[in-house]
Amino acid sequence: MLTVSKLAKMVGVGPDTIRYYEREGLIPEAERTESGYRVYDEGAVRRLRFIRGSQRFGLRLKEIKGLLEVMDRGLCPCGHASDLVTARIAEIDQQIAELRVLRGDLARLSEDVGPDKCTPGVWPCEQELIQVGGGEDDDGP
């Protein structure tokens, strides 16, 4: 039997994380010693490693909980996991596309601003950043 601190050390999370997962139903409620300490079995180690691995791939706790519920019913979660992973890939592809646009915008901004671009009272970086922030300031300060 493992105390919450020993379990936390084994899987590389904090004890508060384990308590939170327990409150949220990701891990079963721990047994208690006579003095009230939580104790866990080796199954909790495997379950917490599953949670950490799932998070590593960007799955959210709600999604992970769904996978665990399927497993708890004795069913294979792989079909559901495949759907979640496919959706996560689509999210990442969207983020990559957005980052490419942002990179292009930053590269343009880098070319348009700099100490050599300033004239007294006209600061290109200020104008650019105001415009990007939703302003209409094309006239300068």
C-alpha atoms as a PDB file:
ATOM      1  CA  MET A   1       0.000   0.000   0.000  1.00  0.00           C
ATOM      2  CA  LEU A   2       1.248   3.467  -0.914  1.00  0.00           C
ATOM      3  CA  THR A   3       0.643   6.745   0.854  1.00  0.00           C
ATOM      4  CA  VAL A   4      -0.272   9.738  -1.259  1.00  0.00           C
ATOM      5  CA  SER A   5       3.238  11.169  -0.947  1.00  0.00           C
ATOM      6  CA  LYS A   6       4.906   7.895  -1.999  1.00  0.00           C
ATOM      7  CA  LEU A   7       2.502   7.497  -4.904  1.00  0.00           C
ATOM      8  CA  ALA A   8       3.106  11.090  -5.974  1.00  0.00           C
ATOM      9  CA  LYS A   9       6.858  10.562  -5.953  1.00  0.00           C
ATOM     10  CA  MET A  10       6.554   7.332  -7.968  1.00  0.00           C
ATOM     11  CA  VAL A  11       4.554   8.921 -10.787  1.00  0.00           C
ATOM     12  CA  GLY A  12       6.066  12.408 -10.715  1.00  0.00           C
ATOM     13  CA  VAL A  13       3.088  14.495  -9.630  1.00  0.00           C
ATOM     14  CA  GLY A  14       2.303  16.403  -6.489  1.00  0.00           C
ATOM     15  CA  PRO A  15       0.144  14.965  -3.712  1.00  0.00           C
ATOM     16  CA  ASP A  16      -2.413  17.721  -4.347  1.00  0.00           C
ATOM     17  CA  THR A  17      -2.731  16.534  -7.942  1.00  0.00           C
ATOM     18  CA  ILE A  18      -3.594  13.045  -6.739  1.00  0.00           C
ATOM     19  CA  ARG A  19      -6.175  14.420  -4.317  1.00  0.00           C
ATOM     20  CA  TYR A  20      -7.646  16.526  -7.132  1.00  0.00           C
ATOM     21  CA  TYR A  21      -7.859  13.525  -9.475  1.00  0.00           C
ATOM     22  CA  GLU A  22      -9.611  11.618  -6.727  1.00  0.00           C
ATOM     23  CA  ARG A  23     -12.155  14.418  -6.201  1.00  0.00           C
ATOM     24  CA  GLU A  24     -12.754  14.587  -9.963  1.00  0.00           C
ATOM     25  CA  GLY A  25     -13.288  10.824 -10.234  1.00  0.00           C
ATOM     26  CA  LEU A  26     -10.201  10.066 -12.330  1.00  0.00           C
ATOM     27  CA  ILE A  27      -8.869   7.699  -9.717  1.00  0.00           C
ATOM     28  CA  PRO A  28     -10.991   5.724  -7.265  1.00  0.00           C
ATOM     29  CA  GLU A  29     -11.412   7.044  -3.766  1.00  0.00           C
ATOM     30  CA  ALA A  30      -8.505   5.848  -1.669  1.00  0.00           C
ATOM     31  CA  GLU A  31      -8.830   3.556   1.251  1.00  0.00           C
ATOM     32  CA  ARG A  32      -8.007   5.169   4.586  1.00  0.00           C
ATOM     33  CA  THR A  33      -5.873   3.999   7.435  1.00  0.00           C
ATOM     34  CA  GLU A  34      -7.211   4.142  10.975  1.00  0.00           C
ATOM     35  CA  SER A  35      -5.457   7.478  11.348  1.00  0.00           C
ATOM     36  CA  GLY A  36      -7.117   8.824   8.188  1.00  0.00           C
ATOM     37  CA  TYR A  37      -4.213   8.649   5.740  1.00  0.00           C
ATOM     38  CA  ARG A  38      -5.005   7.818   2.140  1.00  0.00           C
ATOM     39  CA  VAL A  39      -3.455   4.581   0.887  1.00  0.00           C
ATOM     40  CA  TYR A  40      -3.330   3.335  -2.677  1.00  0.00           C
ATOM     41  CA  ASP A  41      -2.514   0.049  -4.363  1.00  0.00           C
ATOM     42  CA  GLU A  42      -0.330  -0.580  -7.417  1.00  0.00           C
ATOM     43  CA  GLY A  43      -3.367  -0.102  -9.674  1.00  0.00           C
ATOM     44  CA  ALA A  44      -3.270   3.603  -8.822  1.00  0.00           C
ATOM     45  CA  VAL A  45       0.296   3.806 -10.168  1.00  0.00           C
ATOM     46  CA  ARG A  46      -0.783   2.377 -13.524  1.00  0.00           C
ATOM     47  CA  ARG A  47      -3.842   4.613 -13.665  1.00  0.00           C
ATOM     48  CA  LEU A  48      -1.874   7.768 -12.870  1.00  0.00           C
ATOM     49  CA  ARG A  49       0.732   6.875 -15.488  1.00  0.00           C
ATOM     50  CA  PHE A  50      -2.102   6.427 -17.991  1.00  0.00           C
ATOM     51  CA  ILE A  51      -3.410   9.890 -17.074  1.00  0.00           C
ATOM     52  CA  ARG A  52       0.058  11.467 -17.392  1.00  0.00           C
ATOM     53  CA  GLY A  53       0.664   9.754 -20.736  1.00  0.00           C
ATOM     54  CA  SER A  54      -2.696  10.932 -22.027  1.00  0.00           C
ATOM     55  CA  GLN A  55      -1.929  14.484 -20.935  1.00  0.00           C
ATOM     56  CA  ARG A  56       1.435  14.273 -22.691  1.00  0.00           C
ATOM     57  CA  PHE A  57      -0.510  13.866 -25.938  1.00  0.00           C
ATOM     58  CA  GLY A  58      -2.657  16.866 -25.114  1.00  0.00           C
ATOM     59  CA  LEU A  59      -5.805  15.093 -24.019  1.00  0.00           C
ATOM     60  CA  ARG A  60      -7.929  16.998 -21.535  1.00  0.00           C
ATOM     61  CA  LEU A  61      -8.937  15.569 -18.172  1.00  0.00           C
ATOM     62  CA  LYS A  62     -12.565  15.272 -19.272  1.00  0.00           C
ATOM     63  CA  GLU A  63     -11.469  13.186 -22.267  1.00  0.00           C
ATOM     64  CA  ILE A  64      -9.142  11.083 -20.137  1.00  0.00           C
ATOM     65  CA  LYS A  65     -11.945  10.474 -17.671  1.00  0.00           C
ATOM     66  CA  GLY A  66     -14.085   9.188 -20.535  1.00  0.00           C
ATOM     67  CA  LEU A  67     -11.364   6.729 -21.544  1.00  0.00           C
ATOM     68  CA  LEU A  68     -10.995   5.574 -17.951  1.00  0.00           C
ATOM     69  CA  GLU A  69     -14.750   5.039 -17.663  1.00  0.00           C
ATOM     70  CA  VAL A  70     -14.672   2.814 -20.749  1.00  0.00           C
ATOM     71  CA  MET A  71     -11.771   0.846 -19.267  1.00  0.00           C
ATOM     72  CA  ASP A  72     -13.551   0.566 -15.917  1.00  0.00           C
ATOM     73  CA  ARG A  73     -16.451  -1.146 -17.690  1.00  0.00           C
ATOM     74  CA  GLY A  74     -13.976  -3.730 -18.973  1.00  0.00           C
ATOM     75  CA  LEU A  75     -14.164  -2.468 -22.552  1.00  0.00           C
ATOM     76  CA  CYS A  76     -11.384  -1.549 -24.927  1.00  0.00           C
ATOM     77  CA  PRO A  77     -10.941   2.246 -25.079  1.00  0.00           C
ATOM     78  CA  CYS A  78      -8.882   2.210 -28.283  1.00  0.00           C
ATOM     79  CA  GLY A  79     -11.701   3.256 -30.644  1.00  0.00           C
ATOM     80  CA  HIS A  80     -12.572   6.210 -28.430  1.00  0.00           C
ATOM     81  CA  ALA A  81      -8.872   7.011 -27.987  1.00  0.00           C
ATOM     82  CA  SER A  82      -8.423   6.992 -31.770  1.00  0.00           C
ATOM     83  CA  ASP A  83     -11.263   9.508 -32.173  1.00  0.00           C
ATOM     84  CA  LEU A  84      -9.744  11.760 -29.505  1.00  0.00           C
ATOM     85  CA  VAL A  85      -6.284  11.558 -31.048  1.00  0.00           C
ATOM     86  CA  THR A  86      -7.640  12.341 -34.517  1.00  0.00           C
ATOM     87  CA  ALA A  87      -9.431  15.400 -33.124  1.00  0.00           C
ATOM     88  CA  ARG A  88      -6.261  16.464 -31.306  1.00  0.00           C
ATOM     89  CA  ILE A  89      -4.266  16.192 -34.539  1.00  0.00           C
ATOM     90  CA  ALA A  90      -6.801  18.476 -36.242  1.00  0.00           C
ATOM     91  CA  GLU A  91      -6.462  20.991 -33.383  1.00  0.00           C
ATOM     92  CA  ILE A  92      -2.679  20.918 -33.678  1.00  0.00           C
ATOM     93  CA  ASP A  93      -2.858  21.376 -37.460  1.00  0.00           C
ATOM     94  CA  GLN A  94      -5.049  24.444 -36.890  1.00  0.00           C
ATOM     95  CA  GLN A  95      -2.610  25.816 -34.309  1.00  0.00           C
ATOM     96  CA  ILE A  96       0.288  25.260 -36.707  1.00  0.00           C
ATOM     97  CA  ALA A  97      -1.552  27.160 -39.443  1.00  0.00           C
ATOM     98  CA  GLU A  98      -2.249  30.029 -37.040  1.00  0.00           C
ATOM     99  CA  LEU A  99       1.393  30.063 -35.930  1.00  0.00           C
ATOM    100  CA  ARG A 100       2.560  30.222 -39.550  1.00  0.00           C
ATOM    101  CA  VAL A 101       0.392  33.293 -40.117  1.00  0.00           C
ATOM    102  CA  LEU A 102       1.674  34.838 -36.893  1.00  0.00           C
ATOM    103  CA  ARG A 103       5.263  34.122 -37.905  1.00  0.00           C
ATOM    104  CA  GLY A 104       4.704  35.857 -41.231  1.00  0.00           C
ATOM    105  CA  ASP A 105       3.188  38.853 -39.482  1.00  0.00           C
ATOM    106  CA  LEU A 106       6.115  39.018 -37.071  1.00  0.00           C
ATOM    107  CA  ALA A 107       8.650  38.763 -39.889  1.00  0.00           C
ATOM    108  CA  ARG A 108       6.932  41.671 -41.672  1.00  0.00           C
ATOM    109  CA  LEU A 109       6.835  43.678 -38.452  1.00  0.00           C
ATOM    110  CA  SER A 110      10.528  42.965 -37.877  1.00  0.00           C
ATOM    111  CA  GLU A 111      11.331  44.429 -41.297  1.00  0.00           C
ATOM    112  CA  ASP A 112       9.072  47.469 -40.800  1.00  0.00           C
ATOM    113  CA  VAL A 113      10.320  48.529 -37.381  1.00  0.00           C
ATOM    114  CA  GLY A 114      13.662  49.065 -35.748  1.00  0.00           C
ATOM    115  CA  PRO A 115      15.705  51.911 -34.340  1.00  0.00           C
ATOM    116  CA  ASP A 116      16.737  53.005 -37.841  1.00  0.00           C
ATOM    117  CA  LYS A 117      13.064  53.394 -38.868  1.00  0.00           C
ATOM    118  CA  CYS A 118      12.185  56.007 -36.241  1.00  0.00           C
ATOM    119  CA  THR A 119      11.928  59.691 -36.991  1.00  0.00           C
ATOM    120  CA  PRO A 120      11.213  62.384 -34.399  1.00  0.00           C
ATOM    121  CA  GLY A 121       7.671  61.825 -33.183  1.00  0.00           C
ATOM    122  CA  VAL A 122       6.968  58.941 -35.583  1.00  0.00           C
ATOM    123  CA  TRP A 123       7.488  55.475 -34.186  1.00  0.00           C
ATOM    124  CA  PRO A 124       6.563  52.741 -36.666  1.00  0.00           C
ATOM    125  CA  CYS A 125       6.389  50.046 -33.996  1.00  0.00           C
ATOM    126  CA  GLU A 126       3.807  52.045 -32.049  1.00  0.00           C
ATOM    127  CA  GLN A 127       1.691  52.573 -35.159  1.00  0.00           C
ATOM    128  CA  GLU A 128       1.878  48.901 -36.160  1.00  0.00           C
ATOM    129  CA  LEU A 129       1.015  47.647 -32.701  1.00  0.00           C
ATOM    130  CA  ILE A 130      -1.908  50.061 -32.377  1.00  0.00           C
ATOM    131  CA  GLN A 131      -3.269  48.883 -35.731  1.00  0.00           C
ATOM    132  CA  VAL A 132      -2.940  45.239 -34.765  1.00  0.00           C
ATOM    133  CA  GLY A 133      -4.639  46.068 -31.465  1.00  0.00           C
ATOM    134  CA  GLY A 134      -7.709  47.229 -33.362  1.00  0.00           C
ATOM    135  CA  GLY A 135      -6.864  50.921 -33.667  1.00  0.00           C
ATOM    136  CA  GLU A 136      -7.163  53.142 -36.688  1.00  0.00           C
ATOM    137  CA  ASP A 137      -4.077  55.217 -35.933  1.00  0.00           C
ATOM    138  CA  ASP A 138      -2.423  55.654 -39.357  1.00  0.00           C
ATOM    139  CA  ASP A 139      -1.310  59.238 -38.708  1.00  0.00           C
ATOM    140  CA  GLY A 140       1.301  58.645 -36.034  1.00  0.00           C
ATOM    141  CA  PRO A 141       1.492  60.078 -32.513  1.00  0.00           C
END
